[in-house]
């Protein structure tokens, strides 16, 4: 069996992911933590959008959104999701697929309170993914919410986090002549051991 070295070395995929993300924070110009999140609706039609990954935990990946949004409804319905995080500067990417749970407790409160005041008020004002007549309507709602909530708004009950606990993680690095390096970490269930396989480019 091949020994993984260099940027692929290690026995914990979450440590590798954190290391790659930390390196990207020094090289990527904008939003090194941006992920393309994929979901499916009730008919099985896929959907994708960019969101910001906020934490690589010891066993999962956490991001936040409005629970009324299309992405949240699709995540709640399917209980599964996937994402890819790509860094042009490093010529690397991480892909993950797995099970979805909500993060709706003190951790979500702490992240919400770490955001700028305008972002916190914006979370209250936006009916995310719902039709909007015009921007003036949205700004009027922000002004109304600001008057109601003041400078220390609590986290809205309709806003919080999601955790993707992966069953698969793939680390990809660009190779010369399109001969890329790909290592797939895979397990049958979340408490099972990982198996690691090198994949063809």
C-alpha atoms as a PDB file:
ATOM      1  CA  UNK A   1       0.000   0.000   0.000  1.00  0.00           C
ATOM      2  CA  UNK A   2       1.240   3.446  -0.917  1.00  0.00           C
ATOM      3  CA  UNK A   3       2.403   5.724   1.895  1.00  0.00           C
ATOM      4  CA  UNK A   4       0.837   9.179   1.681  1.00  0.00           C
ATOM      5  CA  UNK A   5       3.295  12.004   2.202  1.00  0.00           C
ATOM      6  CA  UNK A   6       3.610  15.749   1.803  1.00  0.00           C
ATOM      7  CA  UNK A   7       0.330  17.660   1.804  1.00  0.00           C
ATOM      8  CA  UNK A   8      -1.641  14.371   1.936  1.00  0.00           C
ATOM      9  CA  UNK A   9       0.107  12.962   5.025  1.00  0.00           C
ATOM     10  CA  UNK A  10      -1.825  12.209   8.192  1.00  0.00           C
ATOM     11  CA  UNK A  11      -4.336   9.872   9.787  1.00  0.00           C
ATOM     12  CA  UNK A  12      -7.133  12.424  10.318  1.00  0.00           C
ATOM     13  CA  UNK A  13      -8.883  14.008   7.313  1.00  0.00           C
ATOM     14  CA  UNK A  14     -10.187  16.902   9.431  1.00  0.00           C
ATOM     15  CA  UNK A  15      -6.646  17.866  10.405  1.00  0.00           C
ATOM     16  CA  UNK A  16      -5.631  17.777   6.741  1.00  0.00           C
ATOM     17  CA  UNK A  17      -8.651  19.921   5.817  1.00  0.00           C
ATOM     18  CA  UNK A  18      -7.823  22.454   8.547  1.00  0.00           C
ATOM     19  CA  UNK A  19      -4.197  22.594   7.412  1.00  0.00           C
ATOM     20  CA  UNK A  20      -5.185  23.170   3.791  1.00  0.00           C
ATOM     21  CA  UNK A  21      -7.693  25.862   4.780  1.00  0.00           C
ATOM     22  CA  UNK A  22      -5.102  27.613   6.968  1.00  0.00           C
ATOM     23  CA  UNK A  23      -2.673  27.620   4.052  1.00  0.00           C
ATOM     24  CA  UNK A  24      -5.370  28.995   1.729  1.00  0.00           C
ATOM     25  CA  UNK A  25      -6.040  31.862   4.144  1.00  0.00           C
ATOM     26  CA  UNK A  26      -2.525  33.103   3.375  1.00  0.00           C
ATOM     27  CA  UNK A  27      -2.803  32.769  -0.409  1.00  0.00           C
ATOM     28  CA  UNK A  28      -6.432  33.106  -1.520  1.00  0.00           C
ATOM     29  CA  UNK A  29      -7.462  36.719  -2.174  1.00  0.00           C
ATOM     30  CA  UNK A  30     -11.156  36.459  -1.252  1.00  0.00           C
ATOM     31  CA  UNK A  31     -13.128  34.074   0.950  1.00  0.00           C
ATOM     32  CA  UNK A  32     -10.755  31.114   1.272  1.00  0.00           C
ATOM     33  CA  UNK A  33     -13.523  29.388   3.263  1.00  0.00           C
ATOM     34  CA  UNK A  34     -16.081  29.568   0.420  1.00  0.00           C
ATOM     35  CA  UNK A  35     -17.711  26.244  -0.439  1.00  0.00           C
ATOM     36  CA  UNK A  36     -20.061  25.265  -3.245  1.00  0.00           C
ATOM     37  CA  UNK A  37     -22.846  23.555  -1.294  1.00  0.00           C
ATOM     38  CA  UNK A  38     -25.017  21.035  -3.137  1.00  0.00           C
ATOM     39  CA  UNK A  39     -28.481  19.881  -2.110  1.00  0.00           C
ATOM     40  CA  UNK A  40     -31.492  18.242  -3.752  1.00  0.00           C
ATOM     41  CA  UNK A  41     -35.124  19.302  -3.575  1.00  0.00           C
ATOM     42  CA  UNK A  42     -38.120  17.034  -2.954  1.00  0.00           C
ATOM     43  CA  UNK A  43     -38.185  15.960  -6.603  1.00  0.00           C
ATOM     44  CA  UNK A  44     -34.469  15.080  -6.604  1.00  0.00           C
ATOM     45  CA  UNK A  45     -33.533  18.139  -8.677  1.00  0.00           C
ATOM     46  CA  UNK A  46     -30.054  19.308  -7.582  1.00  0.00           C
ATOM     47  CA  UNK A  47     -29.186  22.795  -6.416  1.00  0.00           C
ATOM     48  CA  UNK A  48     -25.839  24.488  -5.708  1.00  0.00           C
ATOM     49  CA  UNK A  49     -24.712  27.790  -4.227  1.00  0.00           C
ATOM     50  CA  UNK A  50     -21.706  29.363  -2.535  1.00  0.00           C
ATOM     51  CA  UNK A  51     -21.714  29.618   1.257  1.00  0.00           C
ATOM     52  CA  UNK A  52     -18.992  30.319   3.803  1.00  0.00           C
ATOM     53  CA  UNK A  53     -17.684  27.417   5.859  1.00  0.00           C
ATOM     54  CA  UNK A  54     -17.258  28.664   9.420  1.00  0.00           C
ATOM     55  CA  UNK A  55     -15.639  25.755  11.215  1.00  0.00           C
ATOM     56  CA  UNK A  56     -13.791  22.520  10.545  1.00  0.00           C
ATOM     57  CA  UNK A  57     -14.513  20.524  13.688  1.00  0.00           C
ATOM     58  CA  UNK A  58     -12.963  17.251  14.815  1.00  0.00           C
ATOM     59  CA  UNK A  59     -15.758  15.351  13.057  1.00  0.00           C
ATOM     60  CA  UNK A  60     -17.621  17.740  10.770  1.00  0.00           C
ATOM     61  CA  UNK A  61     -17.959  20.972   8.807  1.00  0.00           C
ATOM     62  CA  UNK A  62     -20.236  23.804  10.024  1.00  0.00           C
ATOM     63  CA  UNK A  63     -21.899  26.671   8.151  1.00  0.00           C
ATOM     64  CA  UNK A  64     -24.834  28.997   8.913  1.00  0.00           C
ATOM     65  CA  UNK A  65     -27.958  30.173   7.142  1.00  0.00           C
ATOM     66  CA  UNK A  66     -31.621  31.149   7.414  1.00  0.00           C
ATOM     67  CA  UNK A  67     -33.697  28.038   8.179  1.00  0.00           C
ATOM     68  CA  UNK A  68     -36.389  29.284   5.814  1.00  0.00           C
ATOM     69  CA  UNK A  69     -34.023  29.420   2.845  1.00  0.00           C
ATOM     70  CA  UNK A  70     -34.199  26.975  -0.046  1.00  0.00           C
ATOM     71  CA  UNK A  71     -30.901  25.396   0.989  1.00  0.00           C
ATOM     72  CA  UNK A  72     -32.111  24.850   4.552  1.00  0.00           C
ATOM     73  CA  UNK A  73     -35.399  23.332   3.454  1.00  0.00           C
ATOM     74  CA  UNK A  74     -33.566  20.972   1.108  1.00  0.00           C
ATOM     75  CA  UNK A  75     -31.024  20.024   3.766  1.00  0.00           C
ATOM     76  CA  UNK A  76     -33.771  19.356   6.312  1.00  0.00           C
ATOM     77  CA  UNK A  77     -35.762  17.271   3.840  1.00  0.00           C
ATOM     78  CA  UNK A  78     -32.910  15.115   2.550  1.00  0.00           C
ATOM     79  CA  UNK A  79     -30.717  15.009   5.655  1.00  0.00           C
ATOM     80  CA  UNK A  80     -27.738  14.821   3.300  1.00  0.00           C
ATOM     81  CA  UNK A  81     -25.527  17.272   1.461  1.00  0.00           C
ATOM     82  CA  UNK A  82     -22.222  17.749  -0.322  1.00  0.00           C
ATOM     83  CA  UNK A  83     -19.730  20.507  -0.957  1.00  0.00           C
ATOM     84  CA  UNK A  84     -16.538  21.317  -2.781  1.00  0.00           C
ATOM     85  CA  UNK A  85     -13.987  23.868  -1.582  1.00  0.00           C
ATOM     86  CA  UNK A  86     -11.593  24.958  -4.338  1.00  0.00           C
ATOM     87  CA  UNK A  87      -8.514  27.162  -4.079  1.00  0.00           C
ATOM     88  CA  UNK A  88      -7.155  28.461  -7.375  1.00  0.00           C
ATOM     89  CA  UNK A  89      -4.075  29.863  -5.648  1.00  0.00           C
ATOM     90  CA  UNK A  90      -3.089  26.449  -4.229  1.00  0.00           C
ATOM     91  CA  UNK A  91      -4.516  24.422  -7.124  1.00  0.00           C
ATOM     92  CA  UNK A  92      -6.266  22.157  -4.628  1.00  0.00           C
ATOM     93  CA  UNK A  93      -9.766  21.196  -3.627  1.00  0.00           C
ATOM     94  CA  UNK A  94     -11.615  19.297  -0.918  1.00  0.00           C
ATOM     95  CA  UNK A  95     -14.871  17.488  -1.617  1.00  0.00           C
ATOM     96  CA  UNK A  96     -17.181  16.088   1.077  1.00  0.00           C
ATOM     97  CA  UNK A  97     -20.470  14.189   1.122  1.00  0.00           C
ATOM     98  CA  UNK A  98     -22.395  13.184   4.184  1.00  0.00           C
ATOM     99  CA  UNK A  99     -25.155  13.547   6.730  1.00  0.00           C
ATOM    100  CA  UNK A 100     -26.681  16.857   7.822  1.00  0.00           C
ATOM    101  CA  UNK A 101     -27.732  17.958  11.307  1.00  0.00           C
ATOM    102  CA  UNK A 102     -28.660  21.363  12.685  1.00  0.00           C
ATOM    103  CA  UNK A 103     -26.403  23.366  14.997  1.00  0.00           C
ATOM    104  CA  UNK A 104     -29.014  25.353  16.881  1.00  0.00           C
ATOM    105  CA  UNK A 105     -27.536  25.875  20.350  1.00  0.00           C
ATOM    106  CA  UNK A 106     -24.842  27.900  22.149  1.00  0.00           C
ATOM    107  CA  UNK A 107     -22.373  27.388  19.299  1.00  0.00           C
ATOM    108  CA  UNK A 108     -24.794  29.042  16.870  1.00  0.00           C
ATOM    109  CA  UNK A 109     -25.444  31.844  19.384  1.00  0.00           C
ATOM    110  CA  UNK A 110     -21.704  32.471  19.743  1.00  0.00           C
ATOM    111  CA  UNK A 111     -21.140  32.643  15.993  1.00  0.00           C
ATOM    112  CA  UNK A 112     -24.161  34.922  15.469  1.00  0.00           C
ATOM    113  CA  UNK A 113     -22.905  37.308  18.166  1.00  0.00           C
ATOM    114  CA  UNK A 114     -19.448  37.406  16.549  1.00  0.00           C
ATOM    115  CA  UNK A 115     -20.902  38.885  13.346  1.00  0.00           C
ATOM    116  CA  UNK A 116     -21.096  42.611  12.664  1.00  0.00           C
ATOM    117  CA  UNK A 117     -24.206  44.379  13.944  1.00  0.00           C
ATOM    118  CA  UNK A 118     -25.415  45.069  10.399  1.00  0.00           C
ATOM    119  CA  UNK A 119     -25.078  41.386   9.504  1.00  0.00           C
ATOM    120  CA  UNK A 120     -27.002  40.382  12.627  1.00  0.00           C
ATOM    121  CA  UNK A 121     -29.795  42.824  11.812  1.00  0.00           C
ATOM    122  CA  UNK A 122     -29.753  41.687   8.196  1.00  0.00           C
ATOM    123  CA  UNK A 123     -30.383  38.119   9.343  1.00  0.00           C
ATOM    124  CA  UNK A 124     -33.576  39.331  11.021  1.00  0.00           C
ATOM    125  CA  UNK A 125     -34.670  41.398   8.015  1.00  0.00           C
ATOM    126  CA  UNK A 126     -34.171  38.925   5.176  1.00  0.00           C
ATOM    127  CA  UNK A 127     -36.807  36.365   4.244  1.00  0.00           C
ATOM    128  CA  UNK A 128     -34.064  34.474   2.465  1.00  0.00           C
ATOM    129  CA  UNK A 129     -34.939  32.910  -0.902  1.00  0.00           C
ATOM    130  CA  UNK A 130     -38.421  34.493  -0.904  1.00  0.00           C
ATOM    131  CA  UNK A 131     -39.516  36.961  -3.622  1.00  0.00           C
ATOM    132  CA  UNK A 132     -38.624  40.629  -2.956  1.00  0.00           C
ATOM    133  CA  UNK A 133     -40.379  43.571  -4.639  1.00  0.00           C
ATOM    134  CA  UNK A 134     -37.291  45.801  -4.648  1.00  0.00           C
ATOM    135  CA  UNK A 135     -34.216  46.729  -2.617  1.00  0.00           C
ATOM    136  CA  UNK A 136     -35.992  49.716  -1.038  1.00  0.00           C
ATOM    137  CA  UNK A 137     -38.443  47.293   0.585  1.00  0.00           C
ATOM    138  CA  UNK A 138     -35.581  45.333   2.096  1.00  0.00           C
ATOM    139  CA  UNK A 139     -33.818  48.450   3.393  1.00  0.00           C
ATOM    140  CA  UNK A 140     -37.059  49.701   4.952  1.00  0.00           C
ATOM    141  CA  UNK A 141     -37.382  46.382   6.758  1.00  0.00           C
ATOM    142  CA  UNK A 142     -33.775  46.647   7.973  1.00  0.00           C
ATOM    143  CA  UNK A 143     -34.560  50.099   9.404  1.00  0.00           C
ATOM    144  CA  UNK A 144     -37.671  48.765  11.134  1.00  0.00           C
ATOM    145  CA  UNK A 145     -35.791  45.779  12.573  1.00  0.00           C
ATOM    146  CA  UNK A 146     -32.997  48.075  13.780  1.00  0.00           C
ATOM    147  CA  UNK A 147     -35.534  50.144  15.713  1.00  0.00           C
ATOM    148  CA  UNK A 148     -37.108  47.022  17.186  1.00  0.00           C
ATOM    149  CA  UNK A 149     -33.977  45.009  18.010  1.00  0.00           C
ATOM    150  CA  UNK A 150     -31.504  47.740  18.982  1.00  0.00           C
ATOM    151  CA  UNK A 151     -27.756  47.159  19.135  1.00  0.00           C
ATOM    152  CA  UNK A 152     -27.808  43.712  20.764  1.00  0.00           C
ATOM    153  CA  UNK A 153     -30.210  41.568  18.772  1.00  0.00           C
ATOM    154  CA  UNK A 154     -30.583  37.948  19.856  1.00  0.00           C
ATOM    155  CA  UNK A 155     -30.101  35.218  17.260  1.00  0.00           C
ATOM    156  CA  UNK A 156     -33.324  34.838  15.275  1.00  0.00           C
ATOM    157  CA  UNK A 157     -35.168  31.560  15.913  1.00  0.00           C
ATOM    158  CA  UNK A 158     -35.166  30.995  12.146  1.00  0.00           C
ATOM    159  CA  UNK A 159     -31.391  31.356  11.736  1.00  0.00           C
ATOM    160  CA  UNK A 160     -28.627  28.944  12.727  1.00  0.00           C
ATOM    161  CA  UNK A 161     -26.120  26.365  11.667  1.00  0.00           C
ATOM    162  CA  UNK A 162     -25.793  23.091   9.827  1.00  0.00           C
ATOM    163  CA  UNK A 163     -23.155  20.448  10.326  1.00  0.00           C
ATOM    164  CA  UNK A 164     -22.102  18.121   7.528  1.00  0.00           C
ATOM    165  CA  UNK A 165     -20.679  14.922   9.020  1.00  0.00           C
ATOM    166  CA  UNK A 166     -18.933  13.282   6.073  1.00  0.00           C
ATOM    167  CA  UNK A 167     -19.037   9.710   4.896  1.00  0.00           C
ATOM    168  CA  UNK A 168     -16.634  10.658   2.090  1.00  0.00           C
ATOM    169  CA  UNK A 169     -13.888  13.279   1.840  1.00  0.00           C
ATOM    170  CA  UNK A 170     -11.648  13.667  -1.176  1.00  0.00           C
ATOM    171  CA  UNK A 171      -8.429  15.675  -1.287  1.00  0.00           C
ATOM    172  CA  UNK A 172      -7.351  16.742  -4.784  1.00  0.00           C
ATOM    173  CA  UNK A 173      -4.182  18.500  -5.907  1.00  0.00           C
ATOM    174  CA  UNK A 174      -3.347  19.643  -9.412  1.00  0.00           C
ATOM    175  CA  UNK A 175      -0.760  17.553 -11.213  1.00  0.00           C
ATOM    176  CA  UNK A 176       1.402  18.214 -14.235  1.00  0.00           C
ATOM    177  CA  UNK A 177      -0.158  17.173 -17.559  1.00  0.00           C
ATOM    178  CA  UNK A 178      -3.531  16.760 -15.799  1.00  0.00           C
ATOM    179  CA  UNK A 179      -2.168  13.810 -13.807  1.00  0.00           C
ATOM    180  CA  UNK A 180      -3.724  15.007 -10.579  1.00  0.00           C
ATOM    181  CA  UNK A 181      -3.312  13.459  -7.133  1.00  0.00           C
ATOM    182  CA  UNK A 182      -6.592  12.343  -5.538  1.00  0.00           C
ATOM    183  CA  UNK A 183      -7.104  10.552  -2.241  1.00  0.00           C
ATOM    184  CA  UNK A 184     -10.584   9.498  -1.160  1.00  0.00           C
ATOM    185  CA  UNK A 185     -11.382   8.893   2.510  1.00  0.00           C
ATOM    186  CA  UNK A 186     -14.513   6.767   2.842  1.00  0.00           C
ATOM    187  CA  UNK A 187     -16.515   5.062   5.600  1.00  0.00           C
ATOM    188  CA  UNK A 188     -19.828   3.204   5.711  1.00  0.00           C
ATOM    189  CA  UNK A 189     -21.175   5.130   8.724  1.00  0.00           C
ATOM    190  CA  UNK A 190     -20.031   8.001  10.912  1.00  0.00           C
ATOM    191  CA  UNK A 191     -18.585   5.787  13.666  1.00  0.00           C
ATOM    192  CA  UNK A 192     -16.771   3.436  11.262  1.00  0.00           C
ATOM    193  CA  UNK A 193     -13.046   3.652  10.500  1.00  0.00           C
ATOM    194  CA  UNK A 194     -11.868   5.436   7.371  1.00  0.00           C
ATOM    195  CA  UNK A 195     -10.430   3.668   4.371  1.00  0.00           C
ATOM    196  CA  UNK A 196      -8.187   5.715   2.074  1.00  0.00           C
ATOM    197  CA  UNK A 197      -7.879   5.053  -1.661  1.00  0.00           C
ATOM    198  CA  UNK A 198      -5.838   6.814  -4.316  1.00  0.00           C
ATOM    199  CA  UNK A 199      -8.060   7.587  -7.310  1.00  0.00           C
ATOM    200  CA  UNK A 200      -7.134   8.000 -10.935  1.00  0.00           C
ATOM    201  CA  UNK A 201      -7.064  11.638 -12.069  1.00  0.00           C
END
